[in-house]
Amino acid sequence: MTWLGDKIHSIREAAVVNLAQLAETFGPQWAAEQVLPKIIALYGHSHFLYRLTSVASLHALSTQVEPSMFQSAVLPTLLKSAEDPVPNIRIRVATILGIVGKKCSNDENFQSTVKPVLTRMMQDSDRDVKYFAEKSLVELNKHFQSA
């Protein structure tokens, strides 16, 4: 966990990968109890690099936790981070939502959670945020229409 706060990007990146592998090894319950609360708390840090690492970790853990934990803890934190003051974090969140949004239990769940956030992000003051939000929304709409 201390690697997540390292000053060197490649070490933080390796920490995210290692956390996902540990979660796979020790199971979803371990990830939900031992790792997820720390990752969510890390998002509350004042420095943007910690928040960016938290978002990346949530993405990595999204495949390792039970669907109910994804819906109750991972997704709400990602949706909250879509309002981060740092454009690079919002860009990352828009991209991640395009990927993990497919884990929504159904189209209705997607329509009520992820879609409004991506739609709001399409009105962002940063053009890159707008671009990635639109790209993710189009991709998710296709996914749920074909499902």
Protein backbone atom coordinates (compact mmCIF):
# COMPACT_ATOMS: atom_id res chain seq x y z
CA MET A 1 0.00 0.00 0.00
CA THR A 2 2.87 2.39 0.64
CA TRP A 3 3.96 1.97 -2.98
CA LEU A 4 0.72 3.68 -4.03
CA GLY A 5 2.11 6.90 -2.57
CA ASP A 6 5.58 6.68 -4.06
CA LYS A 7 6.93 9.72 -5.89
CA ILE A 8 7.93 7.64 -8.90
CA HIS A 9 5.13 6.93 -11.39
CA SER A 10 6.37 3.48 -12.43
CA ILE A 11 6.37 2.33 -8.80
CA ARG A 12 2.80 3.55 -8.29
CA GLU A 13 1.83 1.80 -11.52
CA ALA A 14 3.48 -1.43 -10.36
CA ALA A 15 1.65 -1.15 -7.04
CA VAL A 16 -1.69 -1.00 -8.86
CA VAL A 17 -0.83 -4.12 -10.87
CA ASN A 18 0.39 -5.92 -7.74
CA LEU A 19 -2.79 -5.05 -5.85
CA ALA A 20 -4.92 -6.53 -8.61
CA GLN A 21 -2.80 -9.69 -8.60
CA LEU A 22 -2.97 -9.97 -4.82
CA ALA A 23 -6.73 -9.50 -4.95
CA GLU A 24 -6.96 -12.27 -7.52
CA THR A 25 -4.83 -14.54 -5.35
CA PHE A 26 -6.51 -13.83 -2.00
CA GLY A 27 -10.01 -13.46 -3.38
CA PRO A 28 -12.77 -10.89 -3.61
CA GLN A 29 -13.59 -10.88 0.10
CA TRP A 30 -9.99 -10.08 1.02
CA ALA A 31 -9.91 -7.31 -1.60
CA ALA A 32 -13.17 -5.86 -0.29
CA GLU A 33 -12.08 -5.95 3.35
CA GLN A 34 -8.35 -5.25 3.21
CA VAL A 35 -7.69 -3.18 0.11
CA LEU A 36 -10.81 -1.40 -1.08
CA PRO A 37 -11.31 0.78 2.02
CA LYS A 38 -7.70 1.98 1.80
CA ILE A 39 -8.04 2.76 -1.91
CA ILE A 40 -11.23 4.71 -1.32
CA ALA A 41 -9.58 6.61 1.54
CA LEU A 42 -6.62 7.38 -0.74
CA TYR A 43 -8.97 9.23 -3.07
CA GLY A 44 -9.54 11.74 -0.27
CA HIS A 45 -5.90 12.86 -0.36
CA SER A 46 -5.23 16.48 -1.26
CA HIS A 47 -2.50 15.68 -3.79
CA PHE A 48 -3.82 14.81 -7.25
CA LEU A 49 -1.28 12.01 -7.86
CA TYR A 50 -2.70 10.06 -4.94
CA ARG A 51 -6.22 10.55 -6.27
CA LEU A 52 -5.12 9.48 -9.75
CA THR A 53 -3.52 6.37 -8.29
CA SER A 54 -6.70 5.67 -6.34
CA VAL A 55 -8.76 5.87 -9.53
CA ALA A 56 -6.35 3.52 -11.33
CA SER A 57 -6.51 1.11 -8.39
CA LEU A 58 -10.30 1.14 -8.39
CA HIS A 59 -10.22 0.25 -12.06
CA ALA A 60 -7.80 -2.62 -11.42
CA LEU A 61 -9.87 -3.90 -8.49
CA SER A 62 -13.18 -3.61 -10.32
CA THR A 63 -12.62 -7.03 -11.87
CA GLN A 64 -11.56 -8.59 -8.57
CA VAL A 65 -14.48 -7.70 -6.31
CA GLU A 66 -17.96 -9.16 -6.19
CA PRO A 67 -20.59 -7.38 -8.34
CA SER A 68 -22.36 -6.15 -5.21
CA MET A 69 -19.14 -4.58 -3.89
CA PHE A 70 -18.52 -3.05 -7.29
CA GLN A 71 -22.00 -1.47 -7.24
CA SER A 72 -21.82 -0.31 -3.63
CA ALA A 73 -18.22 0.91 -3.28
CA VAL A 74 -16.17 1.00 -6.48
CA LEU A 75 -18.68 2.58 -8.84
CA PRO A 76 -19.84 5.33 -6.44
CA THR A 77 -16.24 6.36 -5.80
CA LEU A 78 -15.51 6.48 -9.52
CA LEU A 79 -18.66 8.50 -10.14
CA LYS A 80 -17.66 10.93 -7.38
CA SER A 81 -14.19 11.29 -8.87
CA ALA A 82 -15.75 12.46 -12.14
CA GLU A 83 -16.07 15.84 -10.42
CA ASP A 84 -12.41 16.09 -9.45
CA PRO A 85 -10.92 19.56 -10.03
CA VAL A 86 -8.00 18.07 -12.01
CA PRO A 87 -8.80 17.47 -15.71
CA ASN A 88 -6.37 14.53 -15.99
CA ILE A 89 -8.29 12.68 -13.31
CA ARG A 90 -11.61 13.41 -15.02
CA ILE A 91 -10.17 12.17 -18.33
CA ARG A 92 -9.03 8.95 -16.66
CA VAL A 93 -12.41 8.53 -14.99
CA ALA A 94 -14.28 9.04 -18.26
CA THR A 95 -12.13 6.37 -19.88
CA ILE A 96 -12.52 3.95 -16.97
CA LEU A 97 -16.28 4.44 -16.85
CA GLY A 98 -16.40 3.37 -20.50
CA ILE A 99 -14.80 0.11 -19.47
CA VAL A 100 -16.27 -0.67 -16.05
CA GLY A 101 -19.69 0.72 -16.93
CA LYS A 102 -20.28 -2.58 -18.70
CA LYS A 103 -20.32 -4.19 -15.24
CA CYS A 104 -23.58 -2.42 -14.41
CA SER A 105 -26.12 -5.09 -13.64
CA ASN A 106 -28.43 -3.98 -16.46
CA ASP A 107 -29.33 -1.12 -18.77
CA GLU A 108 -31.56 0.47 -16.15
CA ASN A 109 -28.68 0.55 -13.67
CA PHE A 110 -26.41 2.06 -16.34
CA GLN A 111 -29.05 4.66 -17.25
CA SER A 112 -29.42 5.76 -13.63
CA THR A 113 -25.75 5.80 -12.58
CA VAL A 114 -23.07 6.00 -15.25
CA LYS A 115 -24.92 7.65 -18.13
CA PRO A 116 -25.86 10.86 -16.25
CA VAL A 117 -22.27 11.32 -15.11
CA LEU A 118 -20.82 10.82 -18.58
CA THR A 119 -23.48 13.11 -20.03
CA ARG A 120 -22.52 15.79 -17.50
CA MET A 121 -18.83 15.25 -18.31
CA MET A 122 -19.61 15.93 -21.97
CA GLN A 123 -20.33 19.52 -20.87
CA ASP A 124 -16.97 19.83 -19.10
CA SER A 125 -14.83 22.93 -19.61
CA ASP A 126 -11.92 20.72 -20.71
CA ARG A 127 -12.20 19.51 -24.29
CA ASP A 128 -10.30 16.29 -23.62
CA VAL A 129 -12.70 15.39 -20.82
CA LYS A 130 -15.58 16.03 -23.22
CA TYR A 131 -13.98 13.84 -25.88
CA PHE A 132 -13.35 10.84 -23.61
CA ALA A 133 -16.75 11.14 -21.93
CA GLU A 134 -18.48 11.10 -25.32
CA LYS A 135 -16.36 8.20 -26.53
CA SER A 136 -17.19 6.16 -23.42
CA LEU A 137 -20.88 7.00 -23.58
CA VAL A 138 -21.14 5.93 -27.22
CA GLU A 139 -19.33 2.68 -26.42
CA LEU A 140 -21.58 1.93 -23.44
CA ASN A 141 -24.76 2.77 -25.36
CA LYS A 142 -23.70 0.26 -28.02
CA HIS A 143 -22.96 -2.33 -25.36
CA PHE A 144 -26.35 -2.04 -23.68
CA GLN A 145 -28.27 -1.88 -26.96
CA SER A 146 -26.71 -5.14 -28.10
CA ALA A 147 -27.19 -6.85 -24.75
